[in-house]
Structure formats: structure tokens, C-alpha cells
Amino acid sequence: MTILVVEDDSSILSLVERLLSSKGHTVLAAHDPDDASVVIAQHGKPPDVLLADIILGGQTGVDYARELKKQHPRLKVVFMTGLAHRAPAALRTGLGPVLHKPFSAEELYRIINEL
């Protein structure tokens, strides 16, 4: 499975990339939606899953997920957040579940496997 991870915190991005790669997934890592567009273009095909932080600098992960899902309707989406009050709005979109930071490797693997 190819998973695009969009996270503006480099340490979290690196950790998630290592965890998912260790399970055999192809991970496309990006710090923001603009970076993600470049990474997808370099990869040559869309990801199967978007794992995005809800807050991404000038754009939200929710807005980016909506945009990417319009282009790739089969895309699965999972959000991440360290701000619990942001989760309900993301859940109401119906785009996908929310992982609450800090999350364990087991929680990450479970949510990806459930997709």
C-alpha cells in the first residue's frame, strides 16, 4: 500500500515514515500540501492512503484531503492531531478516522489495517 504522510513536524513525519515502512508500505513523506504534490508527481501515481495532520501551516489537512479526494475518489483518509478539540470537525466530514497524538505504533498499524 502506498501511503502519503503529510505532517509539518519533522520528528513525527520521520517516525511515522519508519513505522509504516517497517510494515512494508511505500511511504511518501511531505511537510505540507505543496510538498505533497511534488512527492506524488515524483512517485508517478496517486497514493492509496492519505495520513494527514489536521493543522498544516496555511492549509488544513481536512481541506487538503477534500482536494486530493476529488482528484482520486478511491483515496482512503486518516487524520492525525494533537489538539483533541479539532477531531470532531474532521470526523464530521466523513473523510476518515482521526488518530490522536501521541499515538502508539499499534494504534497506527490498526487504523491503517482497518482501511
N, C-alpha and C. Protein backbone atom coordinates (compact mmCIF):
# COMPACT_ATOMS: atom_id res chain seq x y z
N MET A 1 0.84 -1.17 0.00
CA MET A 1 0.00 0.00 0.00
C MET A 1 0.90 1.25 0.00
N THR A 2 0.53 2.24 -0.79
CA THR A 2 1.27 3.49 -0.82
C THR A 2 0.55 4.51 0.05
N ILE A 3 1.27 5.05 1.03
CA ILE A 3 0.69 5.97 2.00
C ILE A 3 1.41 7.31 1.92
N LEU A 4 0.65 8.37 1.66
CA LEU A 4 1.17 9.73 1.68
C LEU A 4 0.98 10.27 3.08
N VAL A 5 2.08 10.63 3.74
CA VAL A 5 2.04 11.20 5.08
C VAL A 5 2.37 12.68 4.96
N VAL A 6 1.43 13.53 5.39
CA VAL A 6 1.65 14.98 5.35
C VAL A 6 1.60 15.47 6.78
N GLU A 7 2.76 15.88 7.28
CA GLU A 7 2.94 16.27 8.68
C GLU A 7 4.01 17.34 8.74
N ASP A 8 3.70 18.48 9.38
CA ASP A 8 4.67 19.58 9.42
C ASP A 8 5.71 19.45 10.52
N ASP A 9 5.55 18.50 11.42
CA ASP A 9 6.54 18.25 12.46
C ASP A 9 7.49 17.16 11.95
N SER A 10 8.74 17.54 11.68
CA SER A 10 9.71 16.62 11.08
C SER A 10 9.93 15.35 11.88
N SER A 11 9.94 15.47 13.21
CA SER A 11 10.20 14.28 14.02
C SER A 11 9.04 13.28 13.93
N ILE A 12 7.81 13.78 13.91
CA ILE A 12 6.65 12.90 13.77
C ILE A 12 6.62 12.30 12.37
N LEU A 13 6.89 13.12 11.37
CA LEU A 13 6.92 12.65 9.99
C LEU A 13 7.92 11.51 9.83
N SER A 14 9.11 11.69 10.37
CA SER A 14 10.15 10.68 10.28
C SER A 14 9.76 9.39 11.01
N LEU A 15 9.18 9.53 12.19
CA LEU A 15 8.76 8.36 12.97
C LEU A 15 7.67 7.58 12.24
N VAL A 16 6.65 8.27 11.76
CA VAL A 16 5.55 7.60 11.06
C VAL A 16 6.07 6.93 9.79
N GLU A 17 6.96 7.60 9.09
CA GLU A 17 7.55 7.03 7.88
C GLU A 17 8.27 5.72 8.21
N ARG A 18 9.08 5.71 9.27
CA ARG A 18 9.80 4.50 9.66
C ARG A 18 8.84 3.38 10.07
N LEU A 19 7.83 3.73 10.86
CA LEU A 19 6.87 2.72 11.33
C LEU A 19 6.13 2.06 10.17
N LEU A 20 5.65 2.87 9.24
CA LEU A 20 4.89 2.32 8.12
C LEU A 20 5.78 1.56 7.14
N SER A 21 6.98 2.07 6.92
CA SER A 21 7.92 1.38 6.03
C SER A 21 8.29 0.01 6.60
N SER A 22 8.42 -0.08 7.92
CA SER A 22 8.79 -1.35 8.55
C SER A 22 7.72 -2.42 8.35
N LYS A 23 6.50 -2.00 8.02
CA LYS A 23 5.41 -2.94 7.76
C LYS A 23 5.23 -3.19 6.26
N GLY A 24 6.19 -2.71 5.46
CA GLY A 24 6.18 -3.00 4.03
C GLY A 24 5.43 -2.00 3.16
N HIS A 25 4.96 -0.92 3.76
CA HIS A 25 4.26 0.09 2.98
C HIS A 25 5.24 1.01 2.25
N THR A 26 4.84 1.51 1.11
CA THR A 26 5.59 2.55 0.42
C THR A 26 5.11 3.87 1.01
N VAL A 27 6.03 4.64 1.55
CA VAL A 27 5.65 5.89 2.23
C VAL A 27 6.18 7.08 1.44
N LEU A 28 5.26 7.99 1.13
CA LEU A 28 5.59 9.26 0.51
C LEU A 28 5.47 10.30 1.61
N ALA A 29 6.56 10.94 1.97
CA ALA A 29 6.57 11.88 3.09
C ALA A 29 6.62 13.32 2.60
N ALA A 30 5.78 14.17 3.21
CA ALA A 30 5.73 15.58 2.83
C ALA A 30 5.43 16.44 4.06
N HIS A 31 5.98 17.67 4.04
CA HIS A 31 5.78 18.58 5.16
C HIS A 31 4.53 19.44 5.02
N ASP A 32 4.03 19.59 3.80
CA ASP A 32 2.84 20.41 3.56
C ASP A 32 2.21 19.98 2.24
N PRO A 33 1.02 20.48 1.94
CA PRO A 33 0.34 20.08 0.70
C PRO A 33 1.13 20.39 -0.57
N ASP A 34 1.85 21.51 -0.62
CA ASP A 34 2.65 21.82 -1.81
C ASP A 34 3.75 20.78 -2.00
N ASP A 35 4.43 20.44 -0.91
CA ASP A 35 5.46 19.41 -0.94
C ASP A 35 4.85 18.06 -1.35
N ALA A 36 3.65 17.79 -0.87
CA ALA A 36 2.97 16.54 -1.19
C ALA A 36 2.69 16.42 -2.68
N SER A 37 2.31 17.51 -3.32
CA SER A 37 2.05 17.50 -4.76
C SER A 37 3.30 17.11 -5.53
N VAL A 38 4.45 17.63 -5.10
CA VAL A 38 5.72 17.31 -5.75
C VAL A 38 6.06 15.83 -5.53
N VAL A 39 5.87 15.36 -4.31
CA VAL A 39 6.18 13.96 -3.98
C VAL A 39 5.31 13.00 -4.79
N ILE A 40 4.02 13.32 -4.92
CA ILE A 40 3.12 12.47 -5.71
C ILE A 40 3.56 12.45 -7.17
N ALA A 41 3.89 13.62 -7.71
CA ALA A 41 4.34 13.71 -9.10
C ALA A 41 5.61 12.88 -9.32
N GLN A 42 6.54 12.96 -8.38
CA GLN A 42 7.79 12.19 -8.50
C GLN A 42 7.52 10.69 -8.42
N HIS A 43 6.54 10.30 -7.61
CA HIS A 43 6.19 8.89 -7.45
C HIS A 43 5.50 8.35 -8.71
N GLY A 44 4.79 9.21 -9.40
CA GLY A 44 4.19 8.83 -10.67
C GLY A 44 2.78 8.26 -10.60
N LYS A 45 2.26 8.05 -9.41
CA LYS A 45 0.88 7.60 -9.26
C LYS A 45 0.36 8.03 -7.90
N PRO A 46 -0.96 8.13 -7.77
CA PRO A 46 -1.52 8.61 -6.51
C PRO A 46 -1.36 7.58 -5.39
N PRO A 47 -1.37 8.06 -4.15
CA PRO A 47 -1.30 7.13 -3.02
C PRO A 47 -2.63 6.41 -2.82
N ASP A 48 -2.58 5.33 -2.06
CA ASP A 48 -3.80 4.61 -1.66
C ASP A 48 -4.43 5.25 -0.44
N VAL A 49 -3.55 5.82 0.40
CA VAL A 49 -3.98 6.39 1.68
C VAL A 49 -3.30 7.74 1.89
N LEU A 50 -4.07 8.69 2.43
CA LEU A 50 -3.53 9.96 2.90
C LEU A 50 -3.61 9.95 4.41
N LEU A 51 -2.47 10.13 5.07
CA LEU A 51 -2.40 10.27 6.52
C LEU A 51 -1.92 11.69 6.76
N ALA A 52 -2.84 12.57 7.18
CA ALA A 52 -2.52 14.00 7.25
C ALA A 52 -2.81 14.59 8.61
N ASP A 53 -1.91 15.45 9.05
CA ASP A 53 -2.15 16.24 10.24
C ASP A 53 -3.32 17.18 9.94
N ILE A 54 -4.15 17.46 10.92
CA ILE A 54 -5.29 18.34 10.70
C ILE A 54 -4.82 19.78 10.49
N ILE A 55 -3.79 20.20 11.21
CA ILE A 55 -3.27 21.57 11.07
C ILE A 55 -1.95 21.52 10.31
N LEU A 56 -1.94 22.18 9.13
CA LEU A 56 -0.75 22.17 8.27
C LEU A 56 -0.42 23.59 7.82
N GLY A 57 0.14 24.37 8.69
CA GLY A 57 0.52 25.73 8.32
C GLY A 57 -0.65 26.52 7.77
N GLY A 58 -0.57 26.95 6.51
CA GLY A 58 -1.60 27.79 5.91
C GLY A 58 -2.84 27.05 5.46
N GLN A 59 -2.80 25.74 5.42
CA GLN A 59 -3.95 24.96 4.97
C GLN A 59 -4.24 23.87 5.98
N THR A 60 -5.47 23.43 6.06
CA THR A 60 -5.76 22.32 6.97
C THR A 60 -5.64 20.99 6.24
N GLY A 61 -5.36 19.97 6.98
CA GLY A 61 -5.32 18.63 6.42
C GLY A 61 -6.68 18.22 5.88
N VAL A 62 -7.74 18.73 6.50
CA VAL A 62 -9.10 18.43 6.04
C VAL A 62 -9.32 19.02 4.65
N ASP A 63 -8.93 20.29 4.46
CA ASP A 63 -9.07 20.92 3.13
C ASP A 63 -8.25 20.18 2.09
N TYR A 64 -7.02 19.82 2.47
CA TYR A 64 -6.16 19.10 1.53
C TYR A 64 -6.76 17.74 1.19
N ALA A 65 -7.30 17.04 2.18
CA ALA A 65 -7.90 15.73 1.94
C ALA A 65 -9.08 15.84 0.98
N ARG A 66 -9.91 16.85 1.18
CA ARG A 66 -11.06 17.06 0.27
C ARG A 66 -10.58 17.26 -1.16
N GLU A 67 -9.56 18.11 -1.30
CA GLU A 67 -9.00 18.43 -2.61
C GLU A 67 -8.43 17.17 -3.29
N LEU A 68 -7.63 16.41 -2.54
CA LEU A 68 -6.99 15.22 -3.09
C LEU A 68 -8.03 14.13 -3.40
N LYS A 69 -9.04 14.02 -2.56
CA LYS A 69 -10.09 13.01 -2.76
C LYS A 69 -10.91 13.33 -4.02
N LYS A 70 -11.09 14.60 -4.35
CA LYS A 70 -11.78 14.97 -5.60
C LYS A 70 -11.00 14.46 -6.80
N GLN A 71 -9.68 14.55 -6.72
CA GLN A 71 -8.82 14.09 -7.81
C GLN A 71 -8.71 12.57 -7.85
N HIS A 72 -8.78 11.95 -6.69
CA HIS A 72 -8.58 10.50 -6.56
C HIS A 72 -9.67 9.93 -5.64
N PRO A 73 -10.87 9.69 -6.17
CA PRO A 73 -12.02 9.28 -5.35
C PRO A 73 -11.83 8.02 -4.52
N ARG A 74 -10.93 7.14 -4.91
CA ARG A 74 -10.72 5.89 -4.15
C ARG A 74 -9.77 6.08 -2.96
N LEU A 75 -9.20 7.26 -2.82
CA LEU A 75 -8.25 7.55 -1.75
C LEU A 75 -8.90 7.34 -0.38
N LYS A 76 -8.20 6.64 0.49
CA LYS A 76 -8.60 6.49 1.90
C LYS A 76 -7.90 7.58 2.69
N VAL A 77 -8.55 8.09 3.73
CA VAL A 77 -8.01 9.20 4.50
C VAL A 77 -8.01 8.89 5.99
N VAL A 78 -6.90 9.25 6.64
CA VAL A 78 -6.79 9.20 8.09
C VAL A 78 -6.18 10.53 8.52
N PHE A 79 -6.76 11.14 9.55
CA PHE A 79 -6.22 12.39 10.09
C PHE A 79 -5.46 12.12 11.37
N MET A 80 -4.53 13.02 11.69
CA MET A 80 -3.79 13.00 12.95
C MET A 80 -3.94 14.37 13.60
N THR A 81 -4.00 14.39 14.92
CA THR A 81 -3.99 15.67 15.61
C THR A 81 -3.54 15.52 17.06
N GLY A 82 -2.88 16.54 17.53
CA GLY A 82 -2.52 16.62 18.94
C GLY A 82 -3.49 17.54 19.68
N LEU A 83 -4.44 18.10 18.95
CA LEU A 83 -5.43 19.02 19.51
C LEU A 83 -6.79 18.35 19.49
N ALA A 84 -7.17 17.79 20.63
CA ALA A 84 -8.40 16.98 20.70
C ALA A 84 -9.63 17.74 20.22
N HIS A 85 -9.67 19.04 20.41
CA HIS A 85 -10.87 19.80 20.01
C HIS A 85 -11.01 19.90 18.49
N ARG A 86 -9.98 19.55 17.74
CA ARG A 86 -10.04 19.57 16.27
C ARG A 86 -10.64 18.28 15.68
N ALA A 87 -10.60 17.20 16.44
CA ALA A 87 -11.04 15.90 15.93
C ALA A 87 -12.51 15.85 15.53
N PRO A 88 -13.45 16.37 16.33
CA PRO A 88 -14.87 16.25 15.95
C PRO A 88 -15.20 16.84 14.58
N ALA A 89 -14.65 17.99 14.27
CA ALA A 89 -14.92 18.61 12.96
C ALA A 89 -14.37 17.75 11.83
N ALA A 90 -13.19 17.18 12.02
CA ALA A 90 -12.61 16.31 11.00
C ALA A 90 -13.46 15.05 10.84
N LEU A 91 -13.93 14.50 11.93
CA LEU A 91 -14.77 13.29 11.86
C LEU A 91 -16.09 13.57 11.15
N ARG A 92 -16.66 14.76 11.38
CA ARG A 92 -17.94 15.10 10.75
C ARG A 92 -17.85 15.17 9.23
N THR A 93 -16.65 15.35 8.69
CA THR A 93 -16.51 15.40 7.23
C THR A 93 -16.82 14.05 6.59
N GLY A 94 -16.66 12.98 7.38
CA GLY A 94 -16.87 11.64 6.85
C GLY A 94 -15.72 11.14 6.00
N LEU A 95 -14.63 11.90 5.95
CA LEU A 95 -13.49 11.51 5.12
C LEU A 95 -12.70 10.35 5.71
N GLY A 96 -12.63 10.30 7.04
CA GLY A 96 -11.87 9.23 7.66
C GLY A 96 -11.72 9.41 9.14
N PRO A 97 -11.10 8.43 9.79
CA PRO A 97 -10.90 8.46 11.23
C PRO A 97 -9.78 9.43 11.63
N VAL A 98 -9.67 9.65 12.95
CA VAL A 98 -8.65 10.54 13.50
C VAL A 98 -7.80 9.79 14.50
N LEU A 99 -6.48 9.88 14.33
CA LEU A 99 -5.52 9.37 15.31
C LEU A 99 -5.14 10.53 16.23
N HIS A 100 -5.21 10.32 17.53
CA HIS A 100 -4.85 11.36 18.48
C HIS A 100 -3.39 11.22 18.89
N LYS A 101 -2.62 12.29 18.67
CA LYS A 101 -1.20 12.31 19.08
C LYS A 101 -1.13 12.54 20.58
N PRO A 102 -0.22 11.92 21.26
CA PRO A 102 0.69 10.89 20.74
C PRO A 102 -0.07 9.56 20.61
N PHE A 103 0.21 8.85 19.54
CA PHE A 103 -0.40 7.54 19.34
C PHE A 103 0.70 6.49 19.32
N SER A 104 0.32 5.27 19.62
CA SER A 104 1.29 4.16 19.64
C SER A 104 1.43 3.58 18.23
N ALA A 105 2.50 2.84 18.04
CA ALA A 105 2.70 2.14 16.77
C ALA A 105 1.53 1.20 16.51
N GLU A 106 1.05 0.53 17.55
CA GLU A 106 -0.07 -0.40 17.41
C GLU A 106 -1.33 0.31 16.94
N GLU A 107 -1.59 1.51 17.47
CA GLU A 107 -2.77 2.28 17.03
C GLU A 107 -2.64 2.66 15.56
N LEU A 108 -1.45 3.07 15.15
CA LEU A 108 -1.21 3.42 13.76
C LEU A 108 -1.43 2.21 12.85
N TYR A 109 -0.84 1.08 13.21
CA TYR A 109 -0.97 -0.12 12.38
C TYR A 109 -2.44 -0.57 12.31
N ARG A 110 -3.13 -0.49 13.43
CA ARG A 110 -4.54 -0.92 13.47
C ARG A 110 -5.40 -0.08 12.53
N ILE A 111 -5.24 1.23 12.60
CA ILE A 111 -6.08 2.10 11.79
C ILE A 111 -5.78 1.94 10.30
N ILE A 112 -4.52 1.72 9.96
CA ILE A 112 -4.15 1.50 8.56
C ILE A 112 -4.70 0.15 8.09
N ASN A 113 -4.57 -0.86 8.92
CA ASN A 113 -5.07 -2.20 8.55
C ASN A 113 -6.59 -2.23 8.40
N GLU A 114 -7.29 -1.39 9.15
CA GLU A 114 -8.76 -1.35 9.07
C GLU A 114 -9.25 -0.72 7.77
N LEU A 115 -8.37 0.01 7.09
CA LEU A 115 -8.77 0.63 5.83
C LEU A 115 -8.96 -0.44 4.77
